[in-house]
Amino acid sequence: MQLYYSPTAVTAMLQTMNTKDIVNQTVLVVVGCSFFIFFIIATRFRQNVIAKIGIT
């Protein structure tokens, strides 16, 4: 079974796929950066709390 696509349909499909990929990558980068920053802040906060309590 062969599927025949017109060039415009293929181009449109590729464009929508590219847009989705770009959006997904942007979301991943934003989420990754937010998580990384949160992780750094949480680690420093934990170290400060541990230092204040005096438990090492």
C-alpha atoms as a PDB file:
ATOM      1  CA  MET A   1       0.000   0.000   0.000  1.00  0.00           C
ATOM      2  CA  GLN A   2       1.529   3.262  -1.116  1.00  0.00           C
ATOM      3  CA  LEU A   3       0.540   6.705   0.073  1.00  0.00           C
ATOM      4  CA  TYR A   4       0.807   9.633  -2.287  1.00  0.00           C
ATOM      5  CA  TYR A   5       1.202  13.079  -0.808  1.00  0.00           C
ATOM      6  CA  SER A   6       1.166  16.352  -2.679  1.00  0.00           C
ATOM      7  CA  PRO A   7       4.314  18.413  -2.090  1.00  0.00           C
ATOM      8  CA  THR A   8       2.295  21.107  -0.293  1.00  0.00           C
ATOM      9  CA  ALA A   9       0.861  18.533   2.124  1.00  0.00           C
ATOM     10  CA  VAL A  10       4.331  17.147   2.833  1.00  0.00           C
ATOM     11  CA  THR A  11       5.723  20.637   3.369  1.00  0.00           C
ATOM     12  CA  ALA A  12       2.843  21.529   5.671  1.00  0.00           C
ATOM     13  CA  MET A  13       3.346  18.315   7.657  1.00  0.00           C
ATOM     14  CA  LEU A  14       7.086  18.988   7.962  1.00  0.00           C
ATOM     15  CA  GLN A  15       6.443  22.567   9.049  1.00  0.00           C
ATOM     16  CA  THR A  16       3.968  21.547  11.743  1.00  0.00           C
ATOM     17  CA  MET A  17       6.364  18.827  12.930  1.00  0.00           C
ATOM     18  CA  ASN A  18       9.234  21.327  13.061  1.00  0.00           C
ATOM     19  CA  THR A  19       7.097  23.820  14.969  1.00  0.00           C
ATOM     20  CA  LYS A  20       6.068  21.141  17.465  1.00  0.00           C
ATOM     21  CA  ASP A  21       9.702  20.082  17.889  1.00  0.00           C
ATOM     22  CA  ILE A  22      10.799  23.678  18.441  1.00  0.00           C
ATOM     23  CA  VAL A  23       8.034  24.236  20.984  1.00  0.00           C
ATOM     24  CA  ASN A  24       8.873  20.981  22.757  1.00  0.00           C
ATOM     25  CA  GLN A  25      12.578  21.853  22.872  1.00  0.00           C
ATOM     26  CA  THR A  26      11.806  25.335  24.211  1.00  0.00           C
ATOM     27  CA  VAL A  27       9.533  23.894  26.903  1.00  0.00           C
ATOM     28  CA  LEU A  28      12.168  21.318  27.836  1.00  0.00           C
ATOM     29  CA  VAL A  29      14.882  23.975  28.070  1.00  0.00           C
ATOM     30  CA  VAL A  30      12.708  26.277  30.187  1.00  0.00           C
ATOM     31  CA  VAL A  31      11.657  23.451  32.499  1.00  0.00           C
ATOM     32  CA  GLY A  32      15.233  22.180  32.715  1.00  0.00           C
ATOM     33  CA  CYS A  33      16.626  25.611  33.602  1.00  0.00           C
ATOM     34  CA  SER A  34      13.896  26.225  36.176  1.00  0.00           C
ATOM     35  CA  PHE A  35      14.531  22.833  37.767  1.00  0.00           C
ATOM     36  CA  PHE A  36      18.313  23.419  37.754  1.00  0.00           C
ATOM     37  CA  ILE A  37      17.954  26.844  39.419  1.00  0.00           C
ATOM     38  CA  PHE A  38      15.485  25.412  41.937  1.00  0.00           C
ATOM     39  CA  PHE A  39      17.905  22.575  42.677  1.00  0.00           C
ATOM     40  CA  ILE A  40      20.787  25.015  43.295  1.00  0.00           C
ATOM     41  CA  ILE A  41      18.633  27.197  45.569  1.00  0.00           C
ATOM     42  CA  ALA A  42      17.339  24.148  47.462  1.00  0.00           C
ATOM     43  CA  THR A  43      20.868  22.806  47.949  1.00  0.00           C
ATOM     44  CA  ARG A  44      22.159  26.142  49.259  1.00  0.00           C
ATOM     45  CA  PHE A  45      19.117  26.535  51.486  1.00  0.00           C
ATOM     46  CA  ARG A  46      19.656  23.048  52.903  1.00  0.00           C
ATOM     47  CA  GLN A  47      23.357  23.775  53.520  1.00  0.00           C
ATOM     48  CA  ASN A  48      22.464  27.041  55.309  1.00  0.00           C
ATOM     49  CA  VAL A  49      19.890  25.279  57.485  1.00  0.00           C
ATOM     50  CA  ILE A  50      22.347  22.479  58.298  1.00  0.00           C
ATOM     51  CA  ALA A  51      25.043  25.029  59.118  1.00  0.00           C
ATOM     52  CA  LYS A  52      22.700  27.010  61.374  1.00  0.00           C
ATOM     53  CA  ILE A  53      21.503  23.910  63.223  1.00  0.00           C
ATOM     54  CA  GLY A  54      25.072  22.658  63.529  1.00  0.00           C
ATOM     55  CA  ILE A  55      24.421  19.177  62.152  1.00  0.00           C
ATOM     56  CA  THR A  56      27.019  18.107  59.614  1.00  0.00           C
END
